[in-house]
C-alpha atoms as a PDB file:
ATOM      1  CA  MET A   1       0.000   0.000   0.000  1.00  0.00           C
ATOM      2  CA  SER A   2       1.402   3.406  -1.017  1.00  0.00           C
ATOM      3  CA  THR A   3       1.865   6.293   1.396  1.00  0.00           C
ATOM      4  CA  MET A   4      -1.011   8.156  -0.248  1.00  0.00           C
ATOM      5  CA  ASP A   5      -3.355   5.163   0.135  1.00  0.00           C
ATOM      6  CA  ALA A   6      -2.376   4.818   3.775  1.00  0.00           C
ATOM      7  CA  LYS A   7      -3.159   8.491   4.399  1.00  0.00           C
ATOM      8  CA  VAL A   8      -6.517   8.147   2.657  1.00  0.00           C
ATOM      9  CA  GLN A   9      -7.364   5.110   4.754  1.00  0.00           C
ATOM     10  CA  GLN A  10      -6.366   6.975   7.915  1.00  0.00           C
ATOM     11  CA  ILE A  11      -8.551   9.949   7.000  1.00  0.00           C
ATOM     12  CA  LEU A  12     -11.495   7.691   6.200  1.00  0.00           C
ATOM     13  CA  SER A  13     -11.054   5.873   9.506  1.00  0.00           C
ATOM     14  CA  GLN A  14     -11.012   9.174  11.398  1.00  0.00           C
ATOM     15  CA  LEU A  15     -14.139  10.309   9.558  1.00  0.00           C
ATOM     16  CA  ARG A  16     -15.941   7.064  10.450  1.00  0.00           C
ATOM     17  CA  VAL A  17     -15.008   7.472  14.110  1.00  0.00           C
ATOM     18  CA  ALA A  18     -16.123  11.116  14.097  1.00  0.00           C
ATOM     19  CA  SER A  19     -19.402  10.201  12.408  1.00  0.00           C
ATOM     20  CA  SER A  20     -20.086   7.371  14.860  1.00  0.00           C
ATOM     21  CA  ARG A  21     -19.248   9.592  17.818  1.00  0.00           C
ATOM     22  CA  PHE A  22     -21.505  12.369  16.522  1.00  0.00           C
ATOM     23  CA  ARG A  23     -24.459   9.977  16.073  1.00  0.00           C
ATOM     24  CA  LEU A  24     -24.042   8.592  19.589  1.00  0.00           C
ATOM     25  CA  GLU A  25     -23.850  12.012  21.198  1.00  0.00           C
ATOM     26  CA  ALA A  26     -26.624  13.473  19.025  1.00  0.00           C
ATOM     27  CA  LYS A  27     -28.936  10.798  20.432  1.00  0.00           C
ATOM     28  CA  LYS A  28     -27.915  11.804  23.946  1.00  0.00           C
ATOM     29  CA  PHE A  29     -28.656  15.468  23.164  1.00  0.00           C
ATOM     30  CA  ALA A  30     -32.302  14.560  22.505  1.00  0.00           C
ATOM     31  CA  HIS A  31     -32.710  13.935  26.248  1.00  0.00           C
ATOM     32  CA  PRO A  32     -34.879  16.564  28.052  1.00  0.00           C
ATOM     33  CA  PHE A  33     -31.898  17.462  30.270  1.00  0.00           C
ATOM     34  CA  TYR A  34     -29.975  18.942  27.355  1.00  0.00           C
ATOM     35  CA  ILE A  35     -32.989  20.463  25.632  1.00  0.00           C
ATOM     36  CA  LEU A  36     -34.217  22.257  28.765  1.00  0.00           C
ATOM     37  CA  ASN A  37     -30.710  23.322  29.723  1.00  0.00           C
ATOM     38  CA  THR A  38     -30.216  24.837  26.292  1.00  0.00           C
ATOM     39  CA  LEU A  39     -33.496  26.766  26.594  1.00  0.00           C
ATOM     40  CA  LEU A  40     -32.532  28.031  30.050  1.00  0.00           C
ATOM     41  CA  ALA A  41     -29.039  28.980  28.857  1.00  0.00           C
ATOM     42  CA  VAL A  42     -30.290  31.140  25.975  1.00  0.00           C
ATOM     43  CA  SER A  43     -33.392  32.454  27.754  1.00  0.00           C
ATOM     44  CA  PHE A  44     -31.968  35.836  28.704  1.00  0.00           C
ATOM     45  CA  VAL A  45     -30.592  36.520  25.224  1.00  0.00           C
ATOM     46  CA  VAL A  46     -33.913  35.582  23.595  1.00  0.00           C
ATOM     47  CA  LEU A  47     -36.057  37.547  26.022  1.00  0.00           C
ATOM     48  CA  ARG A  48     -33.697  40.536  25.851  1.00  0.00           C
ATOM     49  CA  LEU A  49     -33.503  40.791  22.061  1.00  0.00           C
ATOM     50  CA  VAL A  50     -36.647  39.296  20.506  1.00  0.00           C
ATOM     51  CA  PRO A  51     -39.695  41.570  20.218  1.00  0.00           C
ATOM     52  CA  PRO A  52     -42.314  41.828  21.577  1.00  0.00           C
ATOM     53  CA  LEU A  53     -40.919  39.945  24.602  1.00  0.00           C
ATOM     54  CA  CYS A  54     -38.095  42.440  25.124  1.00  0.00           C
ATOM     55  CA  SER A  55     -40.475  45.416  25.046  1.00  0.00           C
ATOM     56  CA  LEU A  56     -42.891  43.827  27.501  1.00  0.00           C
ATOM     57  CA  LEU A  57     -40.272  42.674  30.036  1.00  0.00           C
ATOM     58  CA  PHE A  58     -37.401  45.122  29.779  1.00  0.00           C
ATOM     59  CA  LYS A  59     -38.900  48.401  28.627  1.00  0.00           C
ATOM     60  CA  GLY A  60     -36.842  51.275  30.050  1.00  0.00           C
ATOM     61  CA  SER A  61     -35.100  48.992  32.529  1.00  0.00           C
ATOM     62  CA  ALA A  62     -31.550  49.061  31.136  1.00  0.00           C
ATOM     63  CA  ASP A  63     -29.125  51.553  29.650  1.00  0.00           C
ATOM     64  CA  GLY A  64     -29.214  49.966  26.222  1.00  0.00           C
ATOM     65  CA  GLY A  65     -32.968  50.250  25.730  1.00  0.00           C
ATOM     66  CA  ALA A  66     -35.663  47.626  25.575  1.00  0.00           C
ATOM     67  CA  CYS A  67     -34.315  45.327  22.834  1.00  0.00           C
ATOM     68  CA  GLN A  68     -30.527  45.608  22.905  1.00  0.00           C
ATOM     69  CA  PHE A  69     -27.731  44.779  25.319  1.00  0.00           C
ATOM     70  CA  ASP A  70     -26.224  47.453  27.517  1.00  0.00           C
ATOM     71  CA  MET A  71     -22.480  47.627  28.190  1.00  0.00           C
ATOM     72  CA  ARG A  72     -22.582  45.482  31.340  1.00  0.00           C
ATOM     73  CA  GLU A  73     -24.548  42.745  29.582  1.00  0.00           C
ATOM     74  CA  HIS A  74     -22.050  42.732  26.706  1.00  0.00           C
ATOM     75  CA  GLU A  75     -19.189  42.385  29.203  1.00  0.00           C
ATOM     76  CA  THR A  76     -20.921  39.562  31.092  1.00  0.00           C
ATOM     77  CA  LEU A  77     -21.633  37.535  27.966  1.00  0.00           C
ATOM     78  CA  MET A  78     -18.072  38.032  26.690  1.00  0.00           C
ATOM     79  CA  PHE A  79     -16.781  36.861  30.074  1.00  0.00           C
ATOM     80  CA  VAL A  80     -18.897  33.690  29.846  1.00  0.00           C
ATOM     81  CA  GLY A  81     -17.463  32.961  26.402  1.00  0.00           C
ATOM     82  CA  CYS A  82     -13.870  33.419  27.590  1.00  0.00           C
ATOM     83  CA  VAL A  83     -14.375  31.264  30.689  1.00  0.00           C
ATOM     84  CA  THR A  84     -15.939  28.512  28.582  1.00  0.00           C
ATOM     85  CA  VAL A  85     -12.990  28.411  26.174  1.00  0.00           C
ATOM     86  CA  ILE A  86     -10.386  28.448  28.959  1.00  0.00           C
ATOM     87  CA  LYS A  87     -12.070  25.939  31.259  1.00  0.00           C
ATOM     88  CA  ASN A  88     -13.018  23.439  28.568  1.00  0.00           C
ATOM     89  CA  ARG A  89      -9.815  23.061  26.583  1.00  0.00           C
ATOM     90  CA  GLY A  90      -9.580  19.437  27.695  1.00  0.00           C
ATOM     91  CA  ALA A  91     -13.276  18.588  27.352  1.00  0.00           C
ATOM     92  CA  PRO A  92     -13.684  14.893  26.410  1.00  0.00           C
ATOM     93  CA  SER A  93     -16.485  15.619  23.920  1.00  0.00           C
ATOM     94  CA  TRP A  94     -18.524  18.423  22.412  1.00  0.00           C
ATOM     95  CA  LEU A  95     -21.466  17.317  24.562  1.00  0.00           C
ATOM     96  CA  HIS A  96     -19.378  17.800  27.707  1.00  0.00           C
ATOM     97  CA  TYR A  97     -18.245  21.186  26.358  1.00  0.00           C
ATOM     98  CA  LEU A  98     -21.847  22.182  25.744  1.00  0.00           C
ATOM     99  CA  LYS A  99     -22.903  21.077  29.236  1.00  0.00           C
ATOM    100  CA  LYS A 100     -20.261  23.274  30.848  1.00  0.00           C
ATOM    101  CA  PHE A 101     -21.158  26.191  28.598  1.00  0.00           C
ATOM    102  CA  MET A 102     -24.821  25.903  29.584  1.00  0.00           C
ATOM    103  CA  THR A 103     -23.849  25.860  33.269  1.00  0.00           C
ATOM    104  CA  TYR A 104     -21.831  29.078  32.927  1.00  0.00           C
ATOM    105  CA  CYS A 105     -24.653  30.686  30.953  1.00  0.00           C
ATOM    106  CA  LYS A 106     -27.201  29.870  33.637  1.00  0.00           C
ATOM    107  CA  MET A 107     -24.988  31.335  36.335  1.00  0.00           C
ATOM    108  CA  ALA A 108     -24.583  34.519  34.292  1.00  0.00           C
ATOM    109  CA  ASN A 109     -28.320  34.637  33.585  1.00  0.00           C
ATOM    110  CA  VAL A 110     -29.121  34.816  37.302  1.00  0.00           C
ATOM    111  CA  TYR A 111     -27.010  37.950  37.545  1.00  0.00           C
ATOM    112  CA  LEU A 112     -28.394  39.456  34.325  1.00  0.00           C
ATOM    113  CA  PHE A 113     -32.008  38.832  35.283  1.00  0.00           C
ATOM    114  CA  TYR A 114     -31.339  40.266  38.739  1.00  0.00           C
ATOM    115  CA  ARG A 115     -30.049  43.477  37.165  1.00  0.00           C
ATOM    116  CA  GLN A 116     -33.343  43.830  35.374  1.00  0.00           C
ATOM    117  CA  HIS A 117     -35.496  42.984  38.396  1.00  0.00           C
ATOM    118  CA  PRO A 118     -34.978  40.708  41.443  1.00  0.00           C
ATOM    119  CA  VAL A 119     -38.275  38.960  40.721  1.00  0.00           C
ATOM    120  CA  PHE A 120     -36.960  37.864  37.313  1.00  0.00           C
ATOM    121  CA  ALA A 121     -33.941  36.248  39.007  1.00  0.00           C
ATOM    122  CA  VAL A 122     -36.132  34.431  41.546  1.00  0.00           C
ATOM    123  CA  VAL A 123     -38.390  33.045  38.810  1.00  0.00           C
ATOM    124  CA  TYR A 124     -35.378  31.984  36.735  1.00  0.00           C
ATOM    125  CA  VAL A 125     -33.739  30.185  39.675  1.00  0.00           C
ATOM    126  CA  ALA A 126     -37.044  28.416  40.345  1.00  0.00           C
ATOM    127  CA  PHE A 127     -37.126  27.110  36.762  1.00  0.00           C
ATOM    128  CA  CYS A 128     -33.509  25.936  37.075  1.00  0.00           C
ATOM    129  CA  ILE A 129     -34.323  24.056  40.281  1.00  0.00           C
ATOM    130  CA  LEU A 130     -37.354  22.403  38.696  1.00  0.00           C
ATOM    131  CA  GLN A 131     -35.215  21.311  35.751  1.00  0.00           C
ATOM    132  CA  MET A 132     -32.574  19.785  38.073  1.00  0.00           C
ATOM    133  CA  VAL A 133     -35.176  17.983  40.183  1.00  0.00           C
ATOM    134  CA  PHE A 134     -37.336  16.534  37.428  1.00  0.00           C
ATOM    135  CA  PHE A 135     -34.948  16.309  34.458  1.00  0.00           C
ATOM    136  CA  GLY A 136     -31.517  15.440  35.819  1.00  0.00           C
ATOM    137  CA  GLU A 137     -28.488  14.660  33.708  1.00  0.00           C
ATOM    138  CA  PRO A 138     -28.708  11.260  31.997  1.00  0.00           C
ATOM    139  CA  ILE A 139     -26.014   8.835  33.085  1.00  0.00           C
ATOM    140  CA  TYR A 140     -25.234   5.339  31.942  1.00  0.00           C
ATOM    141  CA  SER A 141     -27.256   2.960  34.080  1.00  0.00           C
ATOM    142  CA  GLY A 142     -26.926  -0.220  32.053  1.00  0.00           C
ATOM    143  CA  PRO A 143     -24.954  -3.369  32.836  1.00  0.00           C
ATOM    144  CA  GLU A 144     -21.311  -3.166  33.857  1.00  0.00           C
ATOM    145  CA  LYS A 145     -18.618  -5.710  34.638  1.00  0.00           C
ATOM    146  CA  LEU A 146     -15.895  -4.014  36.642  1.00  0.00           C
ATOM    147  CA  GLU A 147     -13.424  -5.279  39.198  1.00  0.00           C
ATOM    148  CA  TYR A 148     -11.904  -2.811  41.666  1.00  0.00           C
ATOM    149  CA  PHE A 149      -8.332  -3.493  42.706  1.00  0.00           C
ATOM    150  CA  SER A 150      -7.233  -2.732  46.257  1.00  0.00           C
ATOM    151  CA  GLY A 151      -3.548  -2.086  45.714  1.00  0.00           C
ATOM    152  CA  LEU A 152      -0.551  -2.700  43.470  1.00  0.00           C
ATOM    153  CA  GLN A 153       0.076  -6.278  44.585  1.00  0.00           C
ATOM    154  CA  ASN A 154      -3.591  -7.178  44.290  1.00  0.00           C
ATOM    155  CA  MET A 155      -3.790  -5.750  40.761  1.00  0.00           C
ATOM    156  CA  GLU A 156      -0.604  -7.318  39.439  1.00  0.00           C
ATOM    157  CA  ARG A 157      -1.350 -10.681  41.023  1.00  0.00           C
ATOM    158  CA  THR A 158      -4.837 -10.737  39.505  1.00  0.00           C
ATOM    159  CA  ILE A 159      -3.628  -9.755  36.040  1.00  0.00           C
ATOM    160  CA  ALA A 160      -0.765 -12.274  36.119  1.00  0.00           C
ATOM    161  CA  GLU A 161      -2.675 -15.242  37.561  1.00  0.00           C
ATOM    162  CA  ASP A 162      -3.977 -16.257  34.132  1.00  0.00           C
ATOM    163  CA  LYS A 163      -2.016 -14.723  31.260  1.00  0.00           C
ATOM    164  CA  ARG A 164      -4.600 -15.905  28.770  1.00  0.00           C
ATOM    165  CA  ASN A 165      -6.851 -13.128  30.063  1.00  0.00           C
ATOM    166  CA  VAL A 166      -6.801  -9.664  28.532  1.00  0.00           C
ATOM    167  CA  TRP A 167      -7.366  -6.756  30.914  1.00  0.00           C
ATOM    168  CA  LEU A 168      -8.420  -3.179  30.242  1.00  0.00           C
ATOM    169  CA  VAL A 169      -7.681  -1.186  33.394  1.00  0.00           C
ATOM    170  CA  CYS A 170      -8.703   2.373  34.228  1.00  0.00           C
ATOM    171  CA  PHE A 171      -6.373   4.305  36.564  1.00  0.00           C
ATOM    172  CA  TYR A 172      -8.413   7.106  38.147  1.00  0.00           C
ATOM    173  CA  THR A 173      -8.826   9.424  41.123  1.00  0.00           C
ATOM    174  CA  ASN A 174     -12.011  10.436  42.900  1.00  0.00           C
ATOM    175  CA  TRP A 175     -11.251  14.171  42.672  1.00  0.00           C
ATOM    176  CA  SER A 176     -10.615  14.402  38.917  1.00  0.00           C
ATOM    177  CA  MET A 177     -13.631  15.687  36.967  1.00  0.00           C
ATOM    178  CA  LYS A 178     -12.371  13.950  33.827  1.00  0.00           C
ATOM    179  CA  CYS A 179     -12.334  10.641  35.706  1.00  0.00           C
ATOM    180  CA  ILE A 180     -15.852  11.255  36.982  1.00  0.00           C
ATOM    181  CA  ASP A 181     -17.107  12.195  33.523  1.00  0.00           C
ATOM    182  CA  MET A 182     -15.447   9.192  31.895  1.00  0.00           C
ATOM    183  CA  ALA A 183     -16.672   6.620  34.451  1.00  0.00           C
ATOM    184  CA  PRO A 184     -20.011   5.920  32.693  1.00  0.00           C
ATOM    185  CA  THR A 185     -18.185   5.420  29.377  1.00  0.00           C
ATOM    186  CA  PHE A 186     -15.817   2.857  30.889  1.00  0.00           C
ATOM    187  CA  ALA A 187     -18.732   1.107  32.594  1.00  0.00           C
ATOM    188  CA  GLU A 188     -20.526   0.922  29.251  1.00  0.00           C
ATOM    189  CA  LEU A 189     -17.435  -0.577  27.610  1.00  0.00           C
ATOM    190  CA  SER A 190     -17.287  -3.276  30.274  1.00  0.00           C
ATOM    191  CA  GLY A 191     -20.945  -4.145  29.803  1.00  0.00           C
ATOM    192  CA  GLN A 192     -20.498  -4.356  26.049  1.00  0.00           C
ATOM    193  CA  TYR A 193     -17.175  -6.220  25.749  1.00  0.00           C
ATOM    194  CA  TRP A 194     -16.719  -8.282  28.930  1.00  0.00           C
ATOM    195  CA  LEU A 195     -15.872 -11.949  28.552  1.00  0.00           C
ATOM    196  CA  PRO A 196     -14.498 -14.447  31.084  1.00  0.00           C
ATOM    197  CA  ASN A 197     -11.097 -13.901  29.439  1.00  0.00           C
ATOM    198  CA  PHE A 198     -11.522 -10.207  28.537  1.00  0.00           C
ATOM    199  CA  ARG A 199     -11.950  -8.316  31.783  1.00  0.00           C
ATOM    200  CA  PHE A 200     -12.186  -4.752  33.010  1.00  0.00           C
ATOM    201  CA  GLY A 201     -10.643  -3.287  36.145  1.00  0.00           C
ATOM    202  CA  LYS A 202     -10.302   0.031  37.967  1.00  0.00           C
ATOM    203  CA  ILE A 203      -7.857   1.279  40.565  1.00  0.00           C
ATOM    204  CA  ASP A 204      -7.727   4.561  42.461  1.00  0.00           C
ATOM    205  CA  VAL A 205      -4.201   5.937  41.977  1.00  0.00           C
ATOM    206  CA  GLY A 206      -5.011   8.820  44.304  1.00  0.00           C
ATOM    207  CA  ARG A 207      -5.355   6.284  47.096  1.00  0.00           C
ATOM    208  CA  PHE A 208      -2.612   3.914  45.940  1.00  0.00           C
ATOM    209  CA  GLY A 209       0.303   6.171  45.068  1.00  0.00           C
ATOM    210  CA  ASP A 210       2.693   3.293  44.441  1.00  0.00           C
ATOM    211  CA  VAL A 211       0.543   2.267  41.472  1.00  0.00           C
ATOM    212  CA  ALA A 212       0.828   5.757  39.981  1.00  0.00           C
ATOM    213  CA  SER A 213       4.598   5.730  40.514  1.00  0.00           C
ATOM    214  CA  LYS A 214       5.166   2.334  38.909  1.00  0.00           C
ATOM    215  CA  TYR A 215       3.049   3.090  35.847  1.00  0.00           C
ATOM    216  CA  HIS A 216       4.341   6.683  35.534  1.00  0.00           C
ATOM    217  CA  ILE A 217       0.948   8.343  35.931  1.00  0.00           C
ATOM    218  CA  GLY A 218       0.951  11.920  37.162  1.00  0.00           C
ATOM    219  CA  THR A 219      -1.634  12.685  39.833  1.00  0.00           C
ATOM    220  CA  GLY A 220      -1.008  16.408  40.342  1.00  0.00           C
ATOM    221  CA  ALA A 221      -3.662  19.063  39.981  1.00  0.00           C
ATOM    222  CA  TRP A 222      -2.553  19.958  36.425  1.00  0.00           C
ATOM    223  CA  THR A 223      -1.898  16.460  35.138  1.00  0.00           C
ATOM    224  CA  LYS A 224      -3.183  15.409  31.727  1.00  0.00           C
ATOM    225  CA  GLN A 225      -2.845  11.703  32.554  1.00  0.00           C
ATOM    226  CA  LEU A 226      -6.114  11.236  34.440  1.00  0.00           C
ATOM    227  CA  PRO A 227      -7.727   8.970  33.737  1.00  0.00           C
ATOM    228  CA  THR A 228      -5.146   6.639  32.172  1.00  0.00           C
ATOM    229  CA  ILE A 229      -6.388   3.457  30.508  1.00  0.00           C
ATOM    230  CA  ILE A 230      -3.988   0.566  29.907  1.00  0.00           C
ATOM    231  CA  LEU A 231      -4.515  -2.662  27.955  1.00  0.00           C
ATOM    232  CA  PHE A 232      -2.700  -5.717  29.341  1.00  0.00           C
ATOM    233  CA  LYS A 233      -2.061  -8.865  27.272  1.00  0.00           C
ATOM    234  CA  ASP A 234      -0.096 -11.852  28.577  1.00  0.00           C
ATOM    235  CA  GLY A 235       0.261  -9.944  31.833  1.00  0.00           C
ATOM    236  CA  VAL A 236       2.143  -6.978  30.293  1.00  0.00           C
ATOM    237  CA  GLU A 237       1.130  -3.527  29.077  1.00  0.00           C
ATOM    238  CA  VAL A 238       0.622  -3.292  25.305  1.00  0.00           C
ATOM    239  CA  ALA A 239      -1.234   0.006  24.894  1.00  0.00           C
ATOM    240  CA  ARG A 240      -2.247   3.045  26.901  1.00  0.00           C
ATOM    241  CA  ARG A 241      -4.142   6.302  26.518  1.00  0.00           C
ATOM    242  CA  PRO A 242      -3.296   9.094  26.852  1.00  0.00           C
ATOM    243  CA  GLN A 243       0.239   8.709  25.537  1.00  0.00           C
ATOM    244  CA  ALA A 244       3.373  10.786  26.071  1.00  0.00           C
ATOM    245  CA  ASP A 245       5.697  11.659  23.199  1.00  0.00           C
ATOM    246  CA  SER A 246       9.495  11.308  23.157  1.00  0.00           C
ATOM    247  CA  ARG A 247       9.808  14.554  25.138  1.00  0.00           C
ATOM    248  CA  GLY A 248       7.405  13.319  27.815  1.00  0.00           C
ATOM    249  CA  VAL A 249       4.612  15.658  26.708  1.00  0.00           C
ATOM    250  CA  VAL A 250       1.185  14.085  27.180  1.00  0.00           C
ATOM    251  CA  ALA A 251      -1.130  14.566  24.228  1.00  0.00           C
ATOM    252  CA  LYS A 252      -4.693  15.753  24.699  1.00  0.00           C
ATOM    253  CA  TYR A 253      -7.088  12.812  24.591  1.00  0.00           C
ATOM    254  CA  GLU A 254     -10.805  12.487  23.998  1.00  0.00           C
ATOM    255  CA  TYR A 255     -12.366   9.760  26.154  1.00  0.00           C
ATOM    256  CA  ALA A 256     -15.318   9.119  23.857  1.00  0.00           C
ATOM    257  CA  LEU A 257     -16.712   5.622  23.369  1.00  0.00           C
ATOM    258  CA  PRO A 258     -15.895   5.278  19.619  1.00  0.00           C
ATOM    259  CA  THR A 259     -12.388   6.669  20.201  1.00  0.00           C
ATOM    260  CA  LEU A 260     -11.620   4.128  22.921  1.00  0.00           C
ATOM    261  CA  ILE A 261     -12.999   1.284  20.829  1.00  0.00           C
ATOM    262  CA  GLN A 262     -10.755   2.247  17.914  1.00  0.00           C
ATOM    263  CA  ASP A 263      -7.585   3.085  19.848  1.00  0.00           C
ATOM    264  CA  PHE A 264      -7.590  -0.171  21.810  1.00  0.00           C
ATOM    265  CA  ASP A 265      -8.918  -2.207  18.843  1.00  0.00           C
ATOM    266  CA  LEU A 266     -11.600  -3.583  21.147  1.00  0.00           C
ATOM    267  CA  ASN A 267     -13.700  -5.207  18.446  1.00  0.00           C
ATOM    268  CA  ASN A 268     -10.790  -7.379  17.286  1.00  0.00           C
ATOM    269  CA  VAL A 269      -9.659  -8.104  20.850  1.00  0.00           C
ATOM    270  CA  TYR A 270     -13.196  -9.187  21.714  1.00  0.00           C
ATOM    271  CA  GLU A 271     -13.436 -11.521  18.698  1.00  0.00           C
ATOM    272  CA  GLN A 272     -10.015 -13.032  19.409  1.00  0.00           C
ATOM    273  CA  GLN A 273     -10.830 -13.684  23.058  1.00  0.00           C
ATOM    274  CA  LYS A 274     -14.253 -15.040  22.188  1.00  0.00           C
ATOM    275  CA  GLY A 275     -12.632 -17.467  19.747  1.00  0.00           C
ATOM    276  CA  ARG A 276     -10.355 -18.763  22.516  1.00  0.00           C
ATOM    277  CA  LEU A 277     -13.228 -19.677  24.799  1.00  0.00           C
ATOM    278  CA  GLY A 278     -14.664 -23.138  24.786  1.00  0.00           C
ATOM    279  CA  LYS A 279     -18.187 -23.544  23.439  1.00  0.00           C
ATOM    280  CA  LYS A 280     -19.653 -24.156  26.874  1.00  0.00           C
ATOM    281  CA  ALA A 281     -17.830 -21.213  28.468  1.00  0.00           C
ATOM    282  CA  LEU A 282     -18.936 -18.930  25.632  1.00  0.00           C
ATOM    283  CA  GLN A 283     -22.577 -19.990  25.994  1.00  0.00           C
ATOM    284  CA  GLU A 284     -22.442 -19.360  29.734  1.00  0.00           C
ATOM    285  CA  ALA A 285     -20.841 -15.960  29.203  1.00  0.00           C
ATOM    286  CA  MET A 286     -23.479 -14.941  26.667  1.00  0.00           C
ATOM    287  CA  ALA A 287     -26.290 -16.126  28.928  1.00  0.00           C
ATOM    288  CA  GLU A 288     -24.962 -14.443  32.070  1.00  0.00           C
ATOM    289  CA  PRO A 289     -26.400 -10.945  32.533  1.00  0.00           C
ATOM    290  CA  ALA A 290     -23.797  -8.268  33.215  1.00  0.00           C
ATOM    291  CA  GLU A 291     -24.363  -6.540  36.523  1.00  0.00           C
ATOM    292  CA  ALA A 292     -22.697  -3.766  38.442  1.00  0.00           C
ATOM    293  CA  THR A 293     -20.010  -5.160  40.744  1.00  0.00           C
ATOM    294  CA  PRO A 294     -21.158  -4.623  44.327  1.00  0.00           C
ATOM    295  CA  ALA A 295     -18.702  -3.194  46.836  1.00  0.00           C
ATOM    296  CA  SER A 296     -18.698  -6.444  48.786  1.00  0.00           C
ATOM    297  CA  ASN A 297     -17.278  -8.248  45.746  1.00  0.00           C
ATOM    298  CA  LYS A 298     -14.341  -5.948  45.177  1.00  0.00           C
ATOM    299  CA  LYS A 299     -11.026  -7.732  45.096  1.00  0.00           C
ATOM    300  CA  LYS A 300      -9.013  -7.447  48.275  1.00  0.00           C
ATOM    301  CA  ASP A 301      -5.534  -8.445  49.359  1.00  0.00           C
END
């Protein structure tokens, strides 16, 4: 295959991943949580600029007139845009980026409505509370097959006890927002790909610092290595994300479901491991419903 053909194939593969990711997240956006949050986020702008709503609500109440922004409103909205760009440079997906943007907009809207009239702010906050109570953020609540390791020795002993098993392990901390946001995605992967010989584990490197040290995972406040996901075959590491280049610089990584599936070649790994199972073991694995691992079943030393 020529260099040009290889580049074309790479571009096509990236386009397929992007298309698959967009379809998955577009379906999520149809949830009432995102629709109502979007309406609440843009509510001030719409009410402030669109006649006759602006004339009825804001007539003579601001320096800029009934249907245009005044200087303070311009400054506030520009500030929201800047904060969104700065705070979301490492967002794992556009849906996560949009969620954060809507949060900042709602916070700014409380202030903007209050400037117009305190009653407007009270009513707006009431709508936000109703949205949070009755239409909370959708999270993955399907089957999962995760094993939680309780230390370095426990993890390495479990992975090495049967080298025919393939392990995908997530190294996380409880304080990292990226780890929290990615947790449902990793749980969904485990529910989709788990086999008796293709297993999924998690370990808290904030609690077990020796694990972070051995696997060279930074756990500082500004680290770009949380979460780190490592694929183990024959008891040894064969792939990890995110990766560091030759200078030790960690590349930005998007923890989206299609990206993880492609980068770890999970479809092929799954088929290979399924082919290595005996017929009886495969039938039992397919018949067994995947369930969330209860705390009492976590692996211990």
